[in-house]
């Protein structure tokens, strides 16, 4: 299976997204979740916090990711990815352009691009040099109001034709992840499916581990 920067993946990977709002104890919770060695990517997405709060919130999360060998990305803001020493950035279609993101994180940084349900947007992002493309929302999600919905069919199409990795995102839980995994997603991006899991986030990643065969 494809991975970015020439890394080969043996199976679909868990791409973890933070809740939009966190409290003082979240860093410890995150550390326990990452210690399960299931998530390979962490996207920091703190949409419900003011920017002036981020210097007090983000560094402990980056340190937790580093401690467990997890790739850490910033949502939307390539400048903050650089400021906080992350591995790269995930950008939407209405955020910084791919060129701006690449200039900020450099040649070795990771740039992932939201492509909704659009084959055209995905092919354009790949041609520009994106490290991955993201399709979604795969399912109804309470984390954000999606601009489009996608199906496992687009994951299957992409995985059969292109080398650039793809991420399935939006409403993915332990109950509905299997069709997306079987379609060939390189990563499944999960937020509330972990943080809102009925038995707690550690048990959630253990359940995802079973689904992913890790």
N, C-alpha and C. Protein backbone atom coordinates (compact mmCIF):
# COMPACT_ATOMS: atom_id res chain seq x y z
N UNK A 1 0.84 -1.20 0.00
CA UNK A 1 0.00 0.00 0.00
C UNK A 1 0.88 1.25 0.00
N UNK A 2 0.34 2.30 -0.61
CA UNK A 2 1.12 3.52 -0.77
C UNK A 2 1.22 4.33 0.51
N UNK A 3 2.36 4.96 0.69
CA UNK A 3 2.53 5.90 1.79
C UNK A 3 3.25 7.11 1.26
N UNK A 4 3.26 8.20 2.02
CA UNK A 4 3.95 9.38 1.49
C UNK A 4 5.44 9.29 1.74
N UNK A 5 6.16 10.09 0.96
CA UNK A 5 7.62 10.15 1.05
C UNK A 5 8.26 8.77 0.83
N UNK A 6 7.64 7.97 -0.07
CA UNK A 6 8.22 6.70 -0.43
C UNK A 6 8.04 5.59 0.59
N UNK A 7 7.35 5.89 1.68
CA UNK A 7 7.12 4.87 2.71
C UNK A 7 6.01 3.92 2.27
N UNK A 8 6.25 2.63 2.33
CA UNK A 8 5.25 1.65 1.95
C UNK A 8 4.43 1.25 3.17
N UNK A 9 3.12 1.23 3.01
CA UNK A 9 2.21 0.85 4.08
C UNK A 9 1.74 -0.59 3.86
N UNK A 10 1.73 -1.38 4.90
CA UNK A 10 1.29 -2.76 4.78
C UNK A 10 -0.22 -2.88 4.86
N UNK A 11 -0.90 -1.83 5.34
CA UNK A 11 -2.35 -1.87 5.51
C UNK A 11 -2.86 -0.45 5.70
N UNK A 12 -4.18 -0.30 5.69
CA UNK A 12 -4.79 0.99 5.96
C UNK A 12 -4.39 1.47 7.36
N UNK A 13 -4.18 2.78 7.47
CA UNK A 13 -3.70 3.38 8.72
C UNK A 13 -4.75 4.30 9.33
N UNK A 14 -4.69 4.46 10.64
CA UNK A 14 -5.58 5.39 11.35
C UNK A 14 -4.96 6.78 11.38
N UNK A 15 -5.73 7.74 10.89
CA UNK A 15 -5.35 9.15 10.84
C UNK A 15 -6.27 9.85 11.84
N UNK A 16 -5.72 10.26 12.96
CA UNK A 16 -6.50 10.79 14.07
C UNK A 16 -6.58 12.31 14.01
N UNK A 17 -7.78 12.84 14.22
CA UNK A 17 -8.01 14.29 14.23
C UNK A 17 -8.47 14.70 15.62
N UNK A 18 -7.89 15.77 16.15
CA UNK A 18 -8.29 16.22 17.49
C UNK A 18 -9.74 16.72 17.48
N UNK A 19 -10.37 16.78 18.64
CA UNK A 19 -11.66 17.47 18.74
C UNK A 19 -11.44 18.96 18.45
N UNK A 20 -12.49 19.68 18.06
CA UNK A 20 -12.34 21.11 17.79
C UNK A 20 -12.06 21.93 19.05
N UNK A 21 -12.47 21.41 20.21
CA UNK A 21 -12.20 22.08 21.49
C UNK A 21 -11.65 21.07 22.47
N UNK A 22 -10.58 21.43 23.17
CA UNK A 22 -9.97 20.53 24.14
C UNK A 22 -9.83 21.23 25.48
N UNK A 23 -9.64 20.43 26.53
CA UNK A 23 -9.43 21.01 27.86
C UNK A 23 -8.01 20.72 28.32
N UNK A 24 -7.71 21.10 29.54
CA UNK A 24 -6.34 20.99 30.04
C UNK A 24 -5.88 19.55 30.16
N UNK A 25 -6.79 18.62 30.28
CA UNK A 25 -6.41 17.22 30.43
C UNK A 25 -6.29 16.46 29.12
N UNK A 26 -6.54 17.15 28.01
CA UNK A 26 -6.56 16.42 26.74
C UNK A 26 -5.20 15.86 26.35
N UNK A 27 -4.13 16.58 26.63
CA UNK A 27 -2.80 16.10 26.24
C UNK A 27 -2.50 14.74 26.85
N UNK A 28 -2.90 14.54 28.10
CA UNK A 28 -2.68 13.25 28.75
C UNK A 28 -3.53 12.16 28.11
N UNK A 29 -4.77 12.50 27.75
CA UNK A 29 -5.64 11.55 27.05
C UNK A 29 -5.05 11.17 25.70
N UNK A 30 -4.60 12.18 24.98
CA UNK A 30 -3.97 11.93 23.68
C UNK A 30 -2.75 11.03 23.82
N UNK A 31 -1.94 11.29 24.82
CA UNK A 31 -0.75 10.47 25.03
C UNK A 31 -1.13 9.00 25.23
N UNK A 32 -2.17 8.76 26.02
CA UNK A 32 -2.61 7.38 26.25
C UNK A 32 -3.13 6.74 24.97
N UNK A 33 -3.82 7.51 24.16
CA UNK A 33 -4.34 7.00 22.89
C UNK A 33 -3.20 6.66 21.93
N UNK A 34 -2.24 7.56 21.80
CA UNK A 34 -1.12 7.34 20.88
C UNK A 34 -0.23 6.21 21.36
N UNK A 35 -0.19 5.98 22.67
CA UNK A 35 0.62 4.90 23.23
C UNK A 35 0.14 3.53 22.78
N UNK A 36 -1.09 3.44 22.26
CA UNK A 36 -1.60 2.16 21.75
C UNK A 36 -0.97 1.78 20.42
N UNK A 37 -0.23 2.71 19.81
CA UNK A 37 0.48 2.46 18.55
C UNK A 37 -0.46 2.04 17.42
N UNK A 38 -1.62 2.67 17.37
CA UNK A 38 -2.57 2.41 16.29
C UNK A 38 -2.58 3.58 15.31
N UNK A 39 -2.68 4.80 15.81
CA UNK A 39 -2.69 5.98 14.94
C UNK A 39 -1.28 6.25 14.40
N UNK A 40 -1.21 6.53 13.11
CA UNK A 40 0.08 6.87 12.52
C UNK A 40 0.18 8.35 12.17
N UNK A 41 -0.97 9.05 12.18
CA UNK A 41 -1.01 10.48 11.86
C UNK A 41 -1.92 11.17 12.85
N UNK A 42 -1.52 12.37 13.26
CA UNK A 42 -2.36 13.22 14.09
C UNK A 42 -2.52 14.56 13.40
N UNK A 43 -3.77 14.94 13.15
CA UNK A 43 -4.05 16.29 12.64
C UNK A 43 -4.59 17.13 13.78
N UNK A 44 -3.94 18.24 14.04
CA UNK A 44 -4.38 19.16 15.09
C UNK A 44 -5.37 20.15 14.47
N UNK A 45 -6.61 20.04 14.93
CA UNK A 45 -7.69 20.86 14.37
C UNK A 45 -8.50 21.42 15.54
N UNK A 46 -8.10 22.60 15.99
CA UNK A 46 -8.71 23.22 17.17
C UNK A 46 -9.56 24.41 16.75
N UNK A 47 -10.58 24.14 15.98
CA UNK A 47 -11.39 25.19 15.36
C UNK A 47 -12.16 26.04 16.36
N UNK A 48 -12.43 25.48 17.54
CA UNK A 48 -13.22 26.21 18.52
C UNK A 48 -12.37 27.00 19.51
N UNK A 49 -11.10 27.15 19.21
CA UNK A 49 -10.21 27.94 20.05
C UNK A 49 -9.71 29.17 19.29
N UNK A 50 -9.57 30.27 19.98
CA UNK A 50 -8.99 31.47 19.38
C UNK A 50 -7.51 31.23 19.11
N UNK A 51 -6.99 31.92 18.12
CA UNK A 51 -5.59 31.72 17.74
C UNK A 51 -4.63 32.03 18.89
N UNK A 52 -4.98 33.01 19.72
CA UNK A 52 -4.06 33.36 20.82
C UNK A 52 -4.02 32.29 21.91
N UNK A 53 -4.93 31.32 21.84
CA UNK A 53 -4.89 30.20 22.79
C UNK A 53 -3.96 29.07 22.32
N UNK A 54 -3.67 29.05 21.05
CA UNK A 54 -2.95 27.91 20.48
C UNK A 54 -1.53 27.71 21.05
N UNK A 55 -0.77 28.77 21.32
CA UNK A 55 0.57 28.53 21.88
C UNK A 55 0.56 27.76 23.20
N UNK A 56 -0.53 27.85 23.94
CA UNK A 56 -0.62 27.10 25.18
C UNK A 56 -1.18 25.70 25.02
N UNK A 57 -1.80 25.44 23.87
CA UNK A 57 -2.47 24.16 23.64
C UNK A 57 -1.72 23.21 22.72
N UNK A 58 -1.10 23.77 21.69
CA UNK A 58 -0.55 22.92 20.63
C UNK A 58 0.75 22.20 21.01
N UNK A 59 1.74 22.89 21.63
CA UNK A 59 3.02 22.22 21.88
C UNK A 59 2.93 20.88 22.61
N UNK A 60 2.10 20.73 23.66
CA UNK A 60 2.00 19.42 24.31
C UNK A 60 1.48 18.32 23.37
N UNK A 61 0.63 18.70 22.43
CA UNK A 61 0.10 17.72 21.48
C UNK A 61 1.18 17.28 20.49
N UNK A 62 1.97 18.25 20.05
CA UNK A 62 3.09 17.93 19.15
C UNK A 62 4.09 17.02 19.87
N UNK A 63 4.37 17.34 21.13
CA UNK A 63 5.31 16.51 21.90
C UNK A 63 4.80 15.08 22.06
N UNK A 64 3.49 14.93 22.29
CA UNK A 64 2.92 13.59 22.41
C UNK A 64 3.09 12.82 21.11
N UNK A 65 2.84 13.48 20.00
CA UNK A 65 3.01 12.82 18.70
C UNK A 65 4.46 12.41 18.48
N UNK A 66 5.37 13.30 18.80
CA UNK A 66 6.80 13.00 18.63
C UNK A 66 7.20 11.81 19.52
N UNK A 67 6.69 11.80 20.74
CA UNK A 67 7.04 10.76 21.69
C UNK A 67 6.66 9.37 21.17
N UNK A 68 5.61 9.31 20.39
CA UNK A 68 5.12 8.02 19.91
C UNK A 68 5.38 7.79 18.42
N UNK A 69 6.19 8.64 17.81
CA UNK A 69 6.55 8.44 16.41
C UNK A 69 5.41 8.65 15.45
N UNK A 70 4.49 9.55 15.79
CA UNK A 70 3.31 9.81 14.98
C UNK A 70 3.52 11.09 14.16
N UNK A 71 3.23 11.03 12.88
CA UNK A 71 3.29 12.21 12.02
C UNK A 71 2.25 13.22 12.50
N UNK A 72 2.64 14.49 12.62
CA UNK A 72 1.71 15.50 13.14
C UNK A 72 1.55 16.63 12.12
N UNK A 73 0.28 16.92 11.82
CA UNK A 73 -0.08 17.93 10.82
C UNK A 73 -0.98 18.99 11.44
N UNK A 74 -0.92 20.20 10.88
CA UNK A 74 -1.81 21.28 11.29
C UNK A 74 -2.94 21.41 10.29
N UNK A 75 -4.13 21.64 10.76
CA UNK A 75 -5.26 21.87 9.87
C UNK A 75 -5.27 23.31 9.38
N UNK A 76 -5.39 23.47 8.08
CA UNK A 76 -5.63 24.77 7.43
C UNK A 76 -4.44 25.73 7.36
N UNK A 77 -3.61 25.77 8.39
CA UNK A 77 -2.65 26.87 8.54
C UNK A 77 -1.20 26.41 8.39
N UNK A 78 -0.64 26.52 7.17
CA UNK A 78 0.75 26.13 6.98
C UNK A 78 1.72 26.97 7.81
N UNK A 79 1.36 28.23 8.07
CA UNK A 79 2.25 29.07 8.87
C UNK A 79 2.35 28.55 10.30
N UNK A 80 1.23 28.07 10.85
CA UNK A 80 1.26 27.52 12.20
C UNK A 80 1.95 26.16 12.24
N UNK A 81 1.83 25.40 11.16
CA UNK A 81 2.55 24.13 11.09
C UNK A 81 4.04 24.37 11.22
N UNK A 82 4.52 25.40 10.55
CA UNK A 82 5.94 25.75 10.62
C UNK A 82 6.29 26.31 11.99
N UNK A 83 5.44 27.19 12.51
CA UNK A 83 5.69 27.81 13.81
C UNK A 83 5.83 26.79 14.92
N UNK A 84 4.99 25.76 14.89
CA UNK A 84 4.98 24.77 15.97
C UNK A 84 5.81 23.52 15.65
N UNK A 85 6.57 23.57 14.58
CA UNK A 85 7.49 22.48 14.27
C UNK A 85 6.82 21.18 13.90
N UNK A 86 5.73 21.26 13.14
CA UNK A 86 5.03 20.05 12.73
C UNK A 86 5.62 19.47 11.45
N UNK A 87 5.08 18.32 11.05
CA UNK A 87 5.56 17.66 9.83
C UNK A 87 4.92 18.21 8.57
N UNK A 88 3.81 18.92 8.71
CA UNK A 88 3.15 19.43 7.53
C UNK A 88 1.78 19.98 7.84
N UNK A 89 0.94 20.08 6.79
CA UNK A 89 -0.34 20.75 6.91
C UNK A 89 -1.38 20.04 6.05
N UNK A 90 -2.62 20.12 6.51
CA UNK A 90 -3.76 19.67 5.71
C UNK A 90 -4.56 20.91 5.33
N UNK A 91 -4.80 21.10 4.03
CA UNK A 91 -5.51 22.30 3.58
C UNK A 91 -6.80 21.92 2.87
N UNK A 92 -7.81 22.78 3.08
CA UNK A 92 -9.07 22.65 2.36
C UNK A 92 -9.03 23.49 1.10
N UNK A 93 -10.09 23.40 0.32
CA UNK A 93 -10.13 24.14 -0.94
C UNK A 93 -10.24 25.65 -0.72
N UNK A 94 -10.66 26.07 0.47
CA UNK A 94 -10.82 27.50 0.74
C UNK A 94 -9.73 28.03 1.66
N UNK A 95 -8.71 27.22 1.91
CA UNK A 95 -7.60 27.66 2.76
C UNK A 95 -6.46 28.16 1.89
N UNK A 96 -5.25 28.10 2.40
CA UNK A 96 -4.09 28.47 1.60
C UNK A 96 -4.01 27.58 0.36
N UNK A 97 -3.45 28.13 -0.72
CA UNK A 97 -3.28 27.33 -1.93
C UNK A 97 -2.21 26.27 -1.71
N UNK A 98 -2.18 25.28 -2.61
CA UNK A 98 -1.13 24.28 -2.51
C UNK A 98 0.24 24.94 -2.58
N UNK A 99 0.41 25.88 -3.49
CA UNK A 99 1.72 26.54 -3.66
C UNK A 99 2.14 27.26 -2.38
N UNK A 100 1.19 27.94 -1.74
CA UNK A 100 1.49 28.65 -0.50
C UNK A 100 1.85 27.66 0.60
N UNK A 101 1.10 26.57 0.67
CA UNK A 101 1.38 25.57 1.70
C UNK A 101 2.76 24.94 1.49
N UNK A 102 3.07 24.61 0.25
CA UNK A 102 4.37 24.00 -0.04
C UNK A 102 5.51 24.96 0.27
N UNK A 103 5.33 26.22 -0.06
CA UNK A 103 6.37 27.21 0.22
C UNK A 103 6.60 27.33 1.72
N UNK A 104 5.54 27.18 2.51
CA UNK A 104 5.66 27.33 3.95
C UNK A 104 6.33 26.13 4.60
N UNK A 105 5.91 24.92 4.24
CA UNK A 105 6.44 23.72 4.91
C UNK A 105 7.68 23.16 4.24
N UNK A 106 8.00 23.64 3.04
CA UNK A 106 9.21 23.21 2.36
C UNK A 106 9.04 21.90 1.60
N UNK A 107 10.09 21.53 0.89
CA UNK A 107 10.03 20.34 0.03
C UNK A 107 9.82 19.06 0.82
N UNK A 108 10.34 19.03 2.04
CA UNK A 108 10.24 17.80 2.82
C UNK A 108 9.00 17.75 3.70
N UNK A 109 8.25 18.86 3.77
CA UNK A 109 7.02 18.87 4.57
C UNK A 109 5.89 18.16 3.84
N UNK A 110 4.89 17.75 4.59
CA UNK A 110 3.73 17.06 4.03
C UNK A 110 2.62 18.07 3.78
N UNK A 111 2.03 17.98 2.60
CA UNK A 111 0.85 18.79 2.27
C UNK A 111 -0.25 17.84 1.80
N UNK A 112 -1.34 17.79 2.56
CA UNK A 112 -2.52 17.02 2.16
C UNK A 112 -3.63 17.96 1.77
N UNK A 113 -4.46 17.55 0.83
CA UNK A 113 -5.47 18.44 0.25
C UNK A 113 -6.86 17.80 0.29
N UNK A 114 -7.82 18.54 0.83
CA UNK A 114 -9.22 18.12 0.79
C UNK A 114 -9.73 18.21 -0.65
N UNK A 115 -10.35 17.14 -1.13
CA UNK A 115 -10.86 17.13 -2.50
C UNK A 115 -12.35 16.80 -2.56
N UNK A 116 -13.01 16.75 -1.41
CA UNK A 116 -14.45 16.50 -1.32
C UNK A 116 -14.81 15.21 -2.06
N UNK A 117 -15.69 15.31 -3.06
CA UNK A 117 -16.07 14.15 -3.86
C UNK A 117 -15.63 14.34 -5.32
N UNK A 118 -14.61 15.17 -5.52
CA UNK A 118 -14.24 15.60 -6.88
C UNK A 118 -13.00 14.86 -7.40
N UNK A 119 -13.18 14.13 -8.44
CA UNK A 119 -12.04 13.47 -9.10
C UNK A 119 -11.12 14.51 -9.71
N UNK A 120 -11.71 15.58 -10.26
CA UNK A 120 -10.90 16.64 -10.86
C UNK A 120 -9.99 17.31 -9.83
N UNK A 121 -10.55 17.68 -8.68
CA UNK A 121 -9.75 18.33 -7.64
C UNK A 121 -8.63 17.41 -7.17
N UNK A 122 -8.93 16.13 -7.05
CA UNK A 122 -7.93 15.18 -6.59
C UNK A 122 -6.80 15.03 -7.60
N UNK A 123 -7.15 14.92 -8.87
CA UNK A 123 -6.11 14.79 -9.89
C UNK A 123 -5.26 16.06 -9.98
N UNK A 124 -5.90 17.22 -9.83
CA UNK A 124 -5.15 18.48 -9.85
C UNK A 124 -4.18 18.55 -8.67
N UNK A 125 -4.65 18.18 -7.48
CA UNK A 125 -3.79 18.21 -6.29
C UNK A 125 -2.60 17.26 -6.47
N UNK A 126 -2.86 16.08 -6.99
CA UNK A 126 -1.78 15.11 -7.19
C UNK A 126 -0.76 15.62 -8.20
N UNK A 127 -1.24 16.23 -9.26
CA UNK A 127 -0.34 16.78 -10.28
C UNK A 127 0.54 17.90 -9.71
N UNK A 128 -0.02 18.66 -8.78
CA UNK A 128 0.75 19.75 -8.17
C UNK A 128 1.81 19.23 -7.21
N UNK A 129 1.62 18.03 -6.70
CA UNK A 129 2.61 17.46 -5.80
C UNK A 129 2.11 17.15 -4.40
N UNK A 130 0.78 17.15 -4.20
CA UNK A 130 0.24 16.84 -2.88
C UNK A 130 0.70 15.48 -2.40
N UNK A 131 0.94 15.36 -1.11
CA UNK A 131 1.39 14.10 -0.53
C UNK A 131 0.24 13.14 -0.30
N UNK A 132 -0.97 13.67 -0.19
CA UNK A 132 -2.16 12.83 -0.16
C UNK A 132 -3.36 13.66 -0.55
N UNK A 133 -4.42 12.98 -0.98
CA UNK A 133 -5.70 13.63 -1.23
C UNK A 133 -6.72 13.04 -0.26
N UNK A 134 -7.68 13.86 0.14
CA UNK A 134 -8.69 13.42 1.11
C UNK A 134 -10.08 13.53 0.48
N UNK A 135 -10.84 12.45 0.59
CA UNK A 135 -12.21 12.40 0.06
C UNK A 135 -13.21 12.32 1.21
N UNK A 136 -14.32 13.04 1.07
CA UNK A 136 -15.35 12.98 2.08
C UNK A 136 -16.33 14.14 1.95
N UNK A 137 -17.35 14.17 2.79
CA UNK A 137 -17.53 13.29 3.94
C UNK A 137 -18.08 11.93 3.50
N UNK A 138 -17.49 10.88 4.05
CA UNK A 138 -17.95 9.54 3.72
C UNK A 138 -19.31 9.24 4.34
N UNK A 139 -19.52 9.78 5.54
CA UNK A 139 -20.77 9.56 6.26
C UNK A 139 -21.18 10.87 6.92
N UNK A 140 -22.37 10.91 7.50
CA UNK A 140 -22.81 12.07 8.25
C UNK A 140 -21.88 12.29 9.42
N UNK A 141 -21.48 13.54 9.62
CA UNK A 141 -20.53 13.85 10.68
C UNK A 141 -21.03 15.01 11.53
N UNK A 142 -20.81 14.89 12.83
CA UNK A 142 -21.18 15.97 13.75
C UNK A 142 -20.03 16.93 13.99
N UNK A 143 -18.84 16.60 13.49
CA UNK A 143 -17.65 17.41 13.76
C UNK A 143 -17.66 18.71 12.97
N UNK A 144 -18.21 18.66 11.73
CA UNK A 144 -18.26 19.86 10.91
C UNK A 144 -19.40 19.71 9.93
N UNK A 145 -19.73 20.79 9.23
CA UNK A 145 -20.75 20.74 8.19
C UNK A 145 -20.05 20.50 6.86
N UNK A 146 -20.12 19.28 6.34
CA UNK A 146 -19.37 18.96 5.13
C UNK A 146 -19.91 19.68 3.91
N UNK A 147 -19.03 20.03 2.99
CA UNK A 147 -19.43 20.69 1.76
C UNK A 147 -19.85 19.70 0.69
N UNK A 148 -19.53 18.43 0.90
CA UNK A 148 -19.88 17.40 -0.07
C UNK A 148 -19.93 16.06 0.63
N UNK A 149 -20.57 15.11 -0.02
CA UNK A 149 -20.55 13.74 0.48
C UNK A 149 -19.90 12.86 -0.58
N UNK A 150 -19.22 11.83 -0.13
CA UNK A 150 -18.52 10.93 -1.03
C UNK A 150 -18.87 9.50 -0.65
N UNK A 151 -18.56 8.58 -1.54
CA UNK A 151 -18.84 7.18 -1.29
C UNK A 151 -17.56 6.37 -1.43
N UNK A 152 -17.56 5.14 -0.94
CA UNK A 152 -16.37 4.30 -1.12
C UNK A 152 -15.97 4.10 -2.58
N UNK A 153 -16.90 4.35 -3.51
CA UNK A 153 -16.58 4.16 -4.93
C UNK A 153 -15.43 5.04 -5.37
N UNK A 154 -15.38 6.29 -4.87
CA UNK A 154 -14.31 7.18 -5.29
C UNK A 154 -12.96 6.74 -4.70
N UNK A 155 -13.01 6.16 -3.52
CA UNK A 155 -11.79 5.59 -2.93
C UNK A 155 -11.29 4.43 -3.78
N UNK A 156 -12.20 3.57 -4.19
CA UNK A 156 -11.83 2.42 -5.01
C UNK A 156 -11.25 2.87 -6.35
N UNK A 157 -11.89 3.84 -6.98
CA UNK A 157 -11.40 4.38 -8.25
C UNK A 157 -9.99 4.95 -8.09
N UNK A 158 -9.80 5.76 -7.05
CA UNK A 158 -8.50 6.39 -6.86
C UNK A 158 -7.41 5.35 -6.58
N UNK A 159 -7.70 4.42 -5.71
CA UNK A 159 -6.67 3.46 -5.29
C UNK A 159 -6.24 2.55 -6.43
N UNK A 160 -7.12 2.35 -7.40
CA UNK A 160 -6.78 1.49 -8.54
C UNK A 160 -5.94 2.21 -9.58
N UNK A 161 -6.03 3.54 -9.63
CA UNK A 161 -5.41 4.27 -10.73
C UNK A 161 -4.22 5.14 -10.35
N UNK A 162 -4.11 5.55 -9.09
CA UNK A 162 -3.12 6.56 -8.73
C UNK A 162 -2.21 6.09 -7.60
N UNK A 163 -1.00 6.62 -7.60
CA UNK A 163 -0.01 6.26 -6.59
C UNK A 163 -0.08 7.14 -5.35
N UNK A 164 -0.59 8.36 -5.51
CA UNK A 164 -0.68 9.27 -4.36
C UNK A 164 -1.67 8.70 -3.35
N UNK A 165 -1.32 8.62 -2.07
CA UNK A 165 -2.22 8.05 -1.07
C UNK A 165 -3.52 8.84 -0.94
N UNK A 166 -4.57 8.14 -0.52
CA UNK A 166 -5.85 8.82 -0.29
C UNK A 166 -6.31 8.58 1.14
N UNK A 167 -6.96 9.60 1.68
CA UNK A 167 -7.51 9.57 3.03
C UNK A 167 -9.02 9.67 2.91
N UNK A 168 -9.73 8.77 3.58
CA UNK A 168 -11.18 8.85 3.67
C UNK A 168 -11.52 9.56 4.97
N UNK A 169 -12.44 10.51 4.90
CA UNK A 169 -12.71 11.36 6.06
C UNK A 169 -14.21 11.62 6.18
N UNK A 170 -14.67 11.84 7.40
CA UNK A 170 -16.03 12.28 7.62
C UNK A 170 -16.95 11.22 8.17
N UNK A 171 -17.22 11.28 9.47
CA UNK A 171 -18.21 10.42 10.08
C UNK A 171 -17.81 8.97 10.22
N UNK A 172 -16.54 8.66 10.08
CA UNK A 172 -16.09 7.26 10.14
C UNK A 172 -16.04 6.79 11.59
N UNK A 173 -16.64 5.64 11.84
CA UNK A 173 -16.67 5.04 13.17
C UNK A 173 -16.29 3.57 13.05
N UNK A 174 -16.20 2.91 14.19
CA UNK A 174 -15.91 1.48 14.17
C UNK A 174 -17.04 0.70 13.51
N UNK A 175 -18.23 1.26 13.49
CA UNK A 175 -19.38 0.56 12.90
C UNK A 175 -19.45 0.66 11.39
N UNK A 176 -18.88 1.71 10.81
CA UNK A 176 -19.03 1.90 9.36
C UNK A 176 -17.72 1.97 8.59
N UNK A 177 -16.61 1.74 9.26
CA UNK A 177 -15.30 1.90 8.60
C UNK A 177 -14.99 0.81 7.59
N UNK A 178 -15.54 -0.37 7.77
CA UNK A 178 -15.13 -1.52 6.97
C UNK A 178 -15.26 -1.30 5.45
N UNK A 179 -16.39 -0.78 4.94
CA UNK A 179 -16.48 -0.58 3.49
C UNK A 179 -15.43 0.38 2.94
N UNK A 180 -15.08 1.38 3.72
CA UNK A 180 -14.07 2.35 3.27
C UNK A 180 -12.69 1.70 3.25
N UNK A 181 -12.40 0.91 4.27
CA UNK A 181 -11.12 0.20 4.31
C UNK A 181 -11.02 -0.76 3.14
N UNK A 182 -12.10 -1.51 2.90
CA UNK A 182 -12.09 -2.49 1.82
C UNK A 182 -12.03 -1.85 0.44
N UNK A 183 -12.48 -0.59 0.33
CA UNK A 183 -12.41 0.12 -0.95
C UNK A 183 -10.98 0.49 -1.32
N UNK A 184 -10.07 0.46 -0.33
CA UNK A 184 -8.66 0.73 -0.62
C UNK A 184 -8.11 2.01 -0.05
N UNK A 185 -8.81 2.60 0.92
CA UNK A 185 -8.27 3.82 1.54
C UNK A 185 -6.92 3.53 2.19
N UNK A 186 -5.97 4.42 1.98
CA UNK A 186 -4.66 4.28 2.62
C UNK A 186 -4.73 4.72 4.08
N UNK A 187 -5.61 5.67 4.37
CA UNK A 187 -5.82 6.17 5.73
C UNK A 187 -7.31 6.41 5.94
N UNK A 188 -7.79 6.15 7.15
CA UNK A 188 -9.13 6.59 7.54
C UNK A 188 -8.95 7.66 8.61
N UNK A 189 -9.55 8.83 8.35
CA UNK A 189 -9.43 9.95 9.29
C UNK A 189 -10.63 9.92 10.23
N UNK A 190 -10.35 9.94 11.52
CA UNK A 190 -11.40 9.78 12.53
C UNK A 190 -11.23 10.83 13.62
N UNK A 191 -12.32 11.44 14.02
CA UNK A 191 -12.32 12.37 15.16
C UNK A 191 -13.31 11.90 16.21
N UNK A 192 -14.59 12.24 16.05
CA UNK A 192 -15.57 11.87 17.08
C UNK A 192 -15.73 10.37 17.21
N UNK A 193 -15.38 9.61 16.18
CA UNK A 193 -15.42 8.16 16.26
C UNK A 193 -14.45 7.60 17.28
N UNK A 194 -13.46 8.40 17.66
CA UNK A 194 -12.54 8.03 18.74
C UNK A 194 -12.90 8.77 20.02
N UNK A 195 -12.97 10.10 19.95
CA UNK A 195 -13.15 10.90 21.17
C UNK A 195 -14.53 10.74 21.78
N UNK A 196 -15.53 10.38 20.95
CA UNK A 196 -16.88 10.20 21.47
C UNK A 196 -17.28 8.74 21.62
N UNK A 197 -16.32 7.85 21.56
CA UNK A 197 -16.61 6.42 21.63
C UNK A 197 -17.19 6.05 22.99
N UNK A 198 -18.18 5.16 22.99
CA UNK A 198 -18.92 4.87 24.22
C UNK A 198 -18.06 4.30 25.34
N UNK A 199 -16.98 3.60 25.00
CA UNK A 199 -16.11 3.04 26.04
C UNK A 199 -14.82 3.83 26.23
N UNK A 200 -14.76 5.02 25.63
CA UNK A 200 -13.59 5.87 25.78
C UNK A 200 -12.63 5.76 24.61
N UNK A 201 -11.77 6.77 24.42
CA UNK A 201 -10.92 6.82 23.25
C UNK A 201 -9.86 5.72 23.16
N UNK A 202 -9.35 5.26 24.29
CA UNK A 202 -8.35 4.18 24.23
C UNK A 202 -9.00 2.90 23.69
N UNK A 203 -10.19 2.60 24.18
CA UNK A 203 -10.90 1.43 23.66
C UNK A 203 -11.28 1.61 22.20
N UNK A 204 -11.54 2.85 21.81
CA UNK A 204 -11.87 3.12 20.41
C UNK A 204 -10.72 2.75 19.49
N UNK A 205 -9.51 3.19 19.82
CA UNK A 205 -8.39 2.88 18.93
C UNK A 205 -8.06 1.39 18.96
N UNK A 206 -8.33 0.74 20.06
CA UNK A 206 -8.16 -0.72 20.09
C UNK A 206 -9.15 -1.39 19.15
N UNK A 207 -10.37 -0.88 19.11
CA UNK A 207 -11.37 -1.44 18.20
C UNK A 207 -10.99 -1.16 16.74
N UNK A 208 -10.49 0.04 16.48
CA UNK A 208 -10.01 0.34 15.13
C UNK A 208 -8.82 -0.55 14.75
N UNK A 209 -7.99 -0.84 15.71
CA UNK A 209 -6.85 -1.71 15.46
C UNK A 209 -7.31 -3.08 14.94
N UNK A 210 -8.37 -3.59 15.52
CA UNK A 210 -8.92 -4.87 15.06
C UNK A 210 -9.41 -4.77 13.64
N UNK A 211 -10.10 -3.68 13.32
CA UNK A 211 -10.61 -3.49 11.96
C UNK A 211 -9.49 -3.35 10.94
N UNK A 212 -8.41 -2.68 11.34
CA UNK A 212 -7.31 -2.41 10.43
C UNK A 212 -6.32 -3.58 10.34
N UNK A 213 -6.48 -4.54 11.23
CA UNK A 213 -5.59 -5.70 11.21
C UNK A 213 -4.21 -5.40 11.73
N UNK A 214 -4.11 -4.39 12.61
CA UNK A 214 -2.81 -4.01 13.14
C UNK A 214 -2.56 -4.68 14.49
